[in-house]
Protein backbone atom coordinates (compact mmCIF):
# COMPACT_ATOMS: atom_id res chain seq x y z
CA MET A 1 81.28 176.13 -38.92
CA VAL A 2 77.47 176.53 -39.80
CA ASP A 3 76.76 176.53 -43.30
CA LEU A 4 74.47 180.07 -42.79
CA SER A 5 71.26 180.68 -45.59
CA TYR A 6 70.13 183.50 -45.69
CA SER A 7 66.19 184.60 -46.48
CA GLU A 8 65.97 187.25 -49.06
CA GLY A 9 66.28 190.90 -47.42
CA ALA A 10 68.48 189.47 -44.19
CA THR A 11 72.08 190.51 -43.60
CA PRO A 12 74.74 188.13 -44.44
CA LEU A 13 77.30 187.86 -41.31
CA ASP A 14 81.26 188.04 -42.58
CA PRO A 15 83.25 185.44 -41.84
CA ASN A 16 84.82 187.13 -38.40
CA GLU A 17 81.36 187.41 -37.25
CA ALA A 18 80.32 183.78 -37.90
CA GLU A 19 82.93 182.52 -35.82
CA GLY A 20 81.53 184.25 -33.06
CA LEU A 21 78.62 181.45 -32.71
CA LEU A 22 78.87 180.01 -29.41
CA PRO A 23 77.11 176.33 -29.71
CA LYS A 24 79.84 174.75 -31.54
CA HIS A 25 76.87 171.70 -31.96
CA ILE A 26 75.45 173.49 -34.14
CA THR A 27 76.04 172.64 -38.27
CA THR A 28 72.65 173.88 -40.26
CA GLN A 29 70.46 177.05 -40.41
CA SER A 30 67.49 175.09 -38.90
CA GLN A 31 69.46 174.14 -35.96
CA LEU A 32 70.87 177.69 -35.55
CA ASN A 33 67.14 178.73 -35.75
CA GLU A 34 65.80 176.61 -33.30
CA TRP A 35 68.55 177.72 -30.79
CA GLU A 36 68.16 181.64 -31.27
CA GLN A 37 64.51 180.92 -30.85
CA MET A 38 65.37 179.34 -27.00
CA ASN A 39 67.09 181.98 -26.76
CA ILE A 40 64.68 184.96 -27.48
CA LEU A 41 62.03 183.22 -25.81
CA GLU A 42 63.99 183.63 -22.85
CA ALA A 43 64.66 187.37 -23.08
CA GLU A 44 60.68 187.63 -23.81
CA GLU A 45 60.17 186.24 -19.80
CA TRP A 46 63.27 188.30 -19.29
CA VAL A 47 61.68 191.53 -20.48
CA SER A 48 58.03 190.18 -19.02
CA SER A 49 59.18 190.33 -15.66
CA LEU A 50 60.15 194.31 -15.69
CA ASN A 51 58.33 196.80 -15.47
CA LEU A 52 60.09 200.03 -17.53
CA MET A 53 59.38 203.60 -18.31
CA THR A 54 59.95 204.80 -21.34
CA THR A 55 62.98 206.97 -20.40
CA GLU A 56 64.80 203.67 -19.73
CA ILE A 57 63.78 201.63 -23.00
CA LEU A 58 65.13 204.41 -25.28
CA SER A 59 68.76 204.03 -23.83
CA ILE A 60 71.64 202.75 -25.93
CA ASP A 61 72.13 200.76 -22.85
CA PHE A 62 69.02 198.88 -22.60
CA ILE A 63 68.90 198.63 -26.75
CA ARG A 64 72.46 196.84 -26.39
CA LYS A 65 71.35 194.61 -22.76
CA LEU A 66 67.84 193.50 -24.75
CA HIS A 67 70.26 192.39 -27.93
CA LYS A 68 72.68 190.12 -25.35
CA LYS A 69 69.09 189.09 -23.58
CA MET A 70 67.97 187.84 -27.43
CA PHE A 71 71.74 186.22 -28.46
CA GLY A 72 73.51 186.25 -25.72
CA LYS A 73 74.00 182.19 -25.81
CA THR A 74 74.55 182.40 -29.23
CA TRP A 75 76.74 184.78 -30.96
CA SER A 76 80.14 185.96 -29.04
CA TRP A 77 79.51 189.66 -30.06
CA ALA A 78 75.44 189.74 -28.54
CA GLY A 79 74.96 193.22 -27.51
CA ASN A 80 77.70 195.12 -29.15
CA PHE A 81 77.61 197.02 -32.52
CA ARG A 82 78.86 196.02 -35.28
CA LYS A 83 82.41 196.92 -36.57
CA THR A 84 81.61 196.31 -40.15
CA ASP A 85 79.54 197.72 -42.81
CA LYS A 86 76.57 195.55 -43.77
CA ASN A 87 74.07 196.00 -47.29
CA ILE A 88 71.94 198.21 -45.47
CA GLY A 89 72.16 200.16 -42.68
CA ALA A 90 74.68 203.47 -40.64
CA TYR A 91 77.88 203.43 -41.53
CA TRP A 92 79.43 201.27 -38.65
CA LEU A 93 81.49 204.17 -36.83
CA ASN A 94 77.94 206.03 -36.53
CA ILE A 95 75.95 203.68 -35.15
CA ALA A 96 75.84 205.23 -31.06
CA ILE A 97 75.51 208.75 -32.73
CA GLU A 98 72.60 207.73 -34.99
CA ILE A 99 70.85 205.69 -32.02
CA LYS A 100 71.32 208.46 -29.76
CA THR A 101 69.38 210.45 -31.99
CA LEU A 102 66.79 208.14 -32.42
CA MET A 103 66.41 207.76 -28.98
CA ASP A 104 66.29 211.83 -28.53
CA ASP A 105 63.47 212.28 -31.13
CA ILE A 106 61.24 209.82 -30.01
CA LYS A 107 61.56 210.89 -26.74
CA TYR A 108 60.73 214.28 -27.84
CA GLN A 109 57.69 213.10 -30.01
CA VAL A 110 56.48 211.12 -26.94
CA SER A 111 56.82 214.19 -24.80
CA HIS A 112 54.91 216.56 -27.78
CA ASN A 113 52.43 213.77 -28.17
CA THR A 114 53.65 214.03 -32.68
CA TYR A 115 52.26 211.10 -33.63
CA SER A 116 49.72 208.32 -31.94
CA ASN A 117 51.47 205.47 -29.94
CA THR A 118 50.87 203.17 -33.12
CA GLU A 119 52.66 205.64 -35.49
CA LEU A 120 55.00 206.35 -33.70
CA ALA A 121 56.20 203.11 -32.31
CA ALA A 122 55.53 201.78 -36.39
CA ARG A 123 58.35 204.88 -37.16
CA PHE A 124 60.61 204.00 -34.01
CA HIS A 125 60.96 200.47 -35.62
CA HIS A 126 61.45 201.34 -39.52
CA ARG A 127 63.96 203.84 -37.64
CA LEU A 128 65.94 201.25 -35.96
CA VAL A 129 65.69 198.41 -38.53
CA ALA A 130 67.23 201.29 -41.09
CA ILE A 131 70.12 201.90 -38.66
CA HIS A 132 70.60 198.29 -38.41
CA PRO A 133 72.92 198.42 -35.18
CA PHE A 134 74.17 194.63 -35.03
CA SER A 135 75.82 191.57 -37.08
CA ASN A 136 72.44 189.79 -36.69
CA GLY A 137 69.06 189.74 -35.44
CA ASN A 138 68.25 193.42 -36.21
CA GLY A 139 64.77 192.67 -37.19
CA ARG A 140 64.02 190.49 -34.54
CA HIS A 141 65.05 192.60 -31.99
CA SER A 142 63.44 195.90 -33.43
CA ARG A 143 60.63 194.27 -33.27
CA LEU A 144 60.87 193.34 -29.82
CA MET A 145 61.76 197.15 -28.71
CA THR A 146 59.01 197.94 -30.77
CA ASP A 147 56.77 195.63 -28.93
CA ILE A 148 58.25 197.07 -25.22
CA PHE A 149 57.92 200.43 -26.70
CA LEU A 150 53.68 199.55 -26.78
CA LEU A 151 53.81 198.07 -23.87
CA SER A 152 55.30 200.60 -21.45
CA HIS A 153 52.25 203.47 -22.97
CA GLY A 154 49.81 200.74 -22.13
CA GLU A 155 49.29 199.70 -25.54
CA LYS A 156 48.79 196.18 -27.20
CA ARG A 157 52.17 194.64 -29.33
CA PHE A 158 51.66 194.63 -32.74
CA SER A 159 50.65 190.82 -34.77
CA TRP A 160 53.59 192.12 -37.06
CA GLY A 161 51.28 189.69 -39.98
CA SER A 162 50.52 186.85 -37.49
CA GLN A 163 53.29 185.07 -38.75
CA SER A 164 56.96 184.50 -38.47
CA LEU A 165 59.11 186.77 -40.19
CA THR A 166 62.60 185.06 -40.34
CA LYS A 167 61.53 182.62 -42.87
CA GLU A 168 61.19 182.99 -46.91
CA SER A 169 57.31 183.74 -47.10
CA THR A 170 54.60 186.45 -48.46
CA VAL A 171 54.14 187.90 -45.44
CA ARG A 172 57.94 188.53 -44.71
CA LYS A 173 57.88 189.99 -48.40
CA LYS A 174 55.04 192.20 -47.50
CA TYR A 175 57.30 192.84 -44.12
CA ILE A 176 60.08 194.14 -46.20
CA LYS A 177 58.02 196.21 -49.17
CA SER A 178 56.13 198.21 -46.30
CA LEU A 179 59.92 198.99 -44.79
CA GLN A 180 60.93 199.78 -47.91
CA GLU A 181 57.88 202.10 -48.59
CA ALA A 182 58.57 203.71 -45.23
CA ASP A 183 62.12 204.24 -46.60
CA LYS A 184 60.41 207.12 -48.95
CA GLY A 185 58.45 208.66 -46.16
CA ASN A 186 55.64 206.45 -46.54
CA TYR A 187 54.29 204.36 -43.76
CA ASP A 188 51.10 203.32 -44.73
CA LEU A 189 51.91 200.22 -45.67
CA LEU A 190 53.94 199.50 -42.39
CA LEU A 191 51.02 200.66 -40.46
CA ARG A 192 48.58 198.66 -41.98
CA PHE A 193 50.99 195.36 -41.76
CA VAL A 194 52.17 195.54 -38.05
CA ARG A 195 48.32 195.65 -37.21
CA SER A 196 47.86 192.87 -39.82
């Protein structure tokens, strides 16, 4: 069993979820991080081969499929919504409803030009992270979903602070702080952060 350690703001796995680790040779957090990153890079290659429309991206099926592509070689439960409550996120039985509501809201906002693509993408990211649909990988998944959304609108991907957000750092603290401000309805920090 791998000895897991968590950065500030990360969501711990419960013991049953931790047992879902597929590669049995992994015993340390650094090995797990490296393995997950290789899995995510494969998902990025898959995404780059697609020519997706917004309507295809904004679906429960695509959200789950992307998570499975990102973590399917790491966790047995990849692509499945969590079945436990966490320190953040929607009540687990409401996840599908919350995701459907988010998708419908974003589709409406796209069709009515409610926000610029940048602001809409930042708001989308914040809400998807806040729902926290999966047992693990929600931040990484939400960031890639957001970038896919931007690309589907002919926009550049966000820089996300120009550093890794998986390790403890000043940049990660800024990211967490910007999400906490967005929780209060203030998106200024997040809008600055995503392009920094």
